[in-house]
Each structure stands twice: as C-alpha cells, then as structure tokens.
Amino acid sequence: MNDDKPFWEKPLSSLDRGQWEALCDGCGRCCLHKLEDEDSGLLYPTNVACRLLDRRTGLCRDYKHRKKIVDDCVKLGPDNLDALEWLPDTCAYRLRADDRPLPRWHYLVSGSRETVHDAGQSTRGWTVSEDDAGDLEFHIVERPL
C-alpha cells in the first residue's frame, strides 16, 4: 500500500509543501552559476556559488526571500522540473520525478545531513562565492551539472 511508504518514495504529486521542501539534499549544486554556449546551447558548470548559498551546509541563507534578492533564482516545483536541464542528475526532485530511489547518501535515507558532503556530492570545499569570483569564464569546472 502506497501509504506505508516513506514520503520520499511516494509520487511527487502526493507530497505536501513540507515534504517537497524536505526532498532537497542540501548539495547546493543547483545554486552554482552555469555558462551557456550561445551557439550550441551547451551548459558549462562553474565553481561559482550564488551569494546566498552557505557553501558549508549547502543550504540557502535566505531561502524565504531568495527570489526577491536573486532575480534568476528559480522556484523548483513539480510543474517545471522538465525545463530545468541544469539540475544535477543526483537531484532528489529529478530522481523522484523519474520514479527512481534516493541515493544512499541522501539524508532522508542515511539519517545524516553530512553524508551528501562525505560522498562528494555537495559544493563544500570546492566553490567560491560570486562576490569573490570575478569573471565566470575563468571558473568553468570539469564536473557534471
């Protein structure tokens, strides 16, 4: 029976707002700037984080007001997941939209917010704030989106 499953194993459409928000693993990778090649449309990841990203925890420092502070901050929702090709392949929203399980390092599975960092899936330790970065072209990295 579907009701016996933990909420993170249920269809996204059945989640309430709190459950939806809890799916975020805190990797912070969606908060990294990407560059788009105007000719090919290819996206290139950088190591430059949004100024609101707490690069230690992987969480937004002003989540409630982020859209007022950062113009191009996108509100994730079940209706726009397909359009957000820059979401990491490991993103819980993407995984659950495709009816795939969360990885073992996801805090809802592991019980610890540190496992995303321990598994090397977060922005901790290799990113710089956009306030300090300068030109994004000098910050392209060889990492998956």
Protein backbone atom coordinates (compact mmCIF):
# COMPACT_ATOMS: atom_id res chain seq x y z
CA MET A 1 0.00 0.00 0.00
CA ASN A 2 1.36 3.43 -1.01
CA ASP A 3 0.58 4.99 2.40
CA ASP A 4 3.04 2.68 4.13
CA LYS A 5 5.97 4.08 2.16
CA PRO A 6 8.11 6.93 3.49
CA PHE A 7 7.05 10.19 1.84
CA TRP A 8 10.24 10.35 -0.25
CA GLU A 9 9.25 7.14 -2.01
CA LYS A 10 5.80 8.45 -2.93
CA PRO A 11 4.95 10.26 -6.19
CA LEU A 12 5.87 13.94 -6.16
CA SER A 13 2.26 14.88 -6.84
CA SER A 14 1.23 13.39 -3.49
CA LEU A 15 3.67 15.42 -1.36
CA ASP A 16 2.67 18.39 0.74
CA ARG A 17 4.82 21.54 0.78
CA GLY A 18 6.88 20.45 3.79
CA GLN A 19 7.61 17.06 2.26
CA TRP A 20 8.53 18.68 -1.06
CA GLU A 21 10.97 21.03 0.65
CA ALA A 22 12.42 18.15 2.69
CA LEU A 23 13.45 16.35 -0.50
CA CYS A 24 16.31 18.80 -1.04
CA ASP A 25 19.53 17.00 -0.08
CA GLY A 26 21.48 20.21 0.55
CA CYS A 27 24.10 19.57 -2.13
CA GLY A 28 23.94 23.22 -3.27
CA ARG A 29 24.78 22.29 -6.88
CA CYS A 30 21.65 23.90 -8.29
CA CYS A 31 22.90 27.19 -6.79
CA LEU A 32 26.08 27.20 -8.88
CA HIS A 33 26.34 29.50 -11.88
CA LYS A 34 26.38 27.87 -15.28
CA LEU A 35 27.51 29.33 -18.57
CA GLU A 36 25.63 28.63 -21.79
CA ASP A 37 27.32 28.49 -25.18
CA GLU A 38 25.20 30.80 -27.34
CA ASP A 39 25.79 28.75 -30.48
CA SER A 40 25.40 25.19 -29.21
CA GLY A 41 23.21 25.76 -26.16
CA LEU A 42 25.57 23.56 -24.10
CA LEU A 43 25.79 24.37 -20.42
CA TYR A 44 29.13 24.56 -18.62
CA PRO A 45 29.28 24.28 -14.84
CA THR A 46 31.38 26.65 -12.77
CA ASN A 47 32.59 26.59 -9.21
CA VAL A 48 30.90 29.93 -8.52
CA ALA A 49 28.08 29.81 -5.99
CA CYS A 50 25.18 32.17 -5.52
CA ARG A 51 25.91 34.72 -2.81
CA LEU A 52 23.09 33.28 -0.71
CA LEU A 53 24.46 29.75 -0.70
CA ASP A 54 26.02 28.66 2.55
CA ARG A 55 28.87 26.71 0.97
CA ARG A 56 29.49 24.76 4.17
CA THR A 57 25.93 23.44 4.63
CA GLY A 58 24.74 23.55 1.01
CA LEU A 59 21.60 25.43 2.02
CA CYS A 60 20.31 28.90 1.15
CA ARG A 61 20.95 31.53 3.81
CA ASP A 62 17.71 33.37 3.00
CA TYR A 63 15.51 30.76 1.37
CA LYS A 64 12.25 32.56 2.16
CA HIS A 65 13.32 35.78 0.37
CA ARG A 66 15.69 34.34 -2.25
CA LYS A 67 13.56 35.25 -5.28
CA LYS A 68 13.43 38.89 -4.18
CA ILE A 69 17.20 39.01 -3.72
CA VAL A 70 18.36 36.87 -6.65
CA ASP A 71 16.46 37.67 -9.85
CA ASP A 72 17.14 34.40 -11.65
CA CYS A 73 16.59 32.10 -8.69
CA VAL A 74 14.14 29.52 -9.93
CA LYS A 75 11.43 28.14 -7.73
CA LEU A 76 11.51 24.38 -8.16
CA GLY A 77 8.16 22.71 -8.48
CA PRO A 78 6.65 19.58 -9.96
CA ASP A 79 5.45 21.58 -12.97
CA ASN A 80 8.85 22.92 -14.07
CA LEU A 81 11.28 20.04 -13.43
CA ASP A 82 11.47 19.03 -17.10
CA ALA A 83 12.52 22.54 -18.11
CA LEU A 84 15.41 22.66 -15.64
CA GLU A 85 18.04 20.68 -17.54
CA TRP A 86 20.76 22.09 -15.28
CA LEU A 87 19.54 20.24 -12.20
CA PRO A 88 22.11 17.64 -11.15
CA ASP A 89 21.38 14.05 -12.18
CA THR A 90 21.51 13.21 -8.47
CA CYS A 91 18.88 15.83 -7.54
CA ALA A 92 16.15 14.21 -5.45
CA TYR A 93 13.47 16.09 -7.36
CA ARG A 94 14.75 14.75 -10.67
CA LEU A 95 15.20 11.23 -9.30
CA ARG A 96 11.72 11.07 -7.81
CA ALA A 97 10.12 12.61 -10.93
CA ASP A 98 11.63 9.65 -12.82
CA ASP A 99 10.41 7.26 -10.08
CA ARG A 100 14.00 6.43 -9.11
CA PRO A 101 15.11 5.96 -5.48
CA LEU A 102 17.13 8.45 -3.49
CA PRO A 103 20.85 7.65 -3.21
CA ARG A 104 22.20 6.11 -0.02
CA TRP A 105 23.95 9.36 0.87
CA HIS A 106 20.70 11.38 0.87
CA TYR A 107 19.97 12.47 4.44
CA LEU A 108 16.45 11.04 4.36
CA VAL A 109 17.98 7.62 3.69
CA SER A 110 21.18 7.91 5.73
CA GLY A 111 19.79 9.90 8.65
CA SER A 112 22.63 12.44 8.47
CA ARG A 113 22.97 15.80 6.70
CA GLU A 114 26.72 15.12 6.44
CA THR A 115 26.54 12.15 4.06
CA VAL A 116 25.93 14.34 1.00
CA HIS A 117 29.25 16.05 1.79
CA ASP A 118 31.05 12.82 2.72
CA ALA A 119 30.01 11.33 -0.63
CA GLY A 120 31.50 14.31 -2.50
CA GLN A 121 28.12 15.31 -3.91
CA SER A 122 27.97 18.83 -2.48
CA THR A 123 29.55 22.22 -3.08
CA ARG A 124 31.54 22.04 0.15
CA GLY A 125 35.25 22.62 -0.28
CA TRP A 126 35.50 23.45 -4.00
CA THR A 127 33.36 26.53 -4.64
CA VAL A 128 33.78 30.28 -4.37
CA SER A 129 31.13 32.93 -3.74
CA GLU A 130 30.03 35.05 -6.67
CA ASP A 131 31.02 38.06 -4.54
CA ASP A 132 34.67 36.96 -4.80
CA ALA A 133 34.83 35.19 -8.17
CA GLY A 134 35.16 37.77 -10.91
CA ASP A 135 34.59 36.59 -14.49
CA LEU A 136 32.73 33.29 -14.67
CA GLU A 137 34.69 32.23 -17.75
CA PHE A 138 37.69 31.62 -15.50
CA HIS A 139 35.72 29.31 -13.22
CA ILE A 140 34.48 26.56 -15.55
CA VAL A 141 35.00 23.16 -13.96
CA GLU A 142 35.13 19.58 -15.18
CA ARG A 143 32.23 18.37 -13.05
CA PRO A 144 28.81 17.14 -14.01
CA LEU A 145 25.95 19.60 -13.72
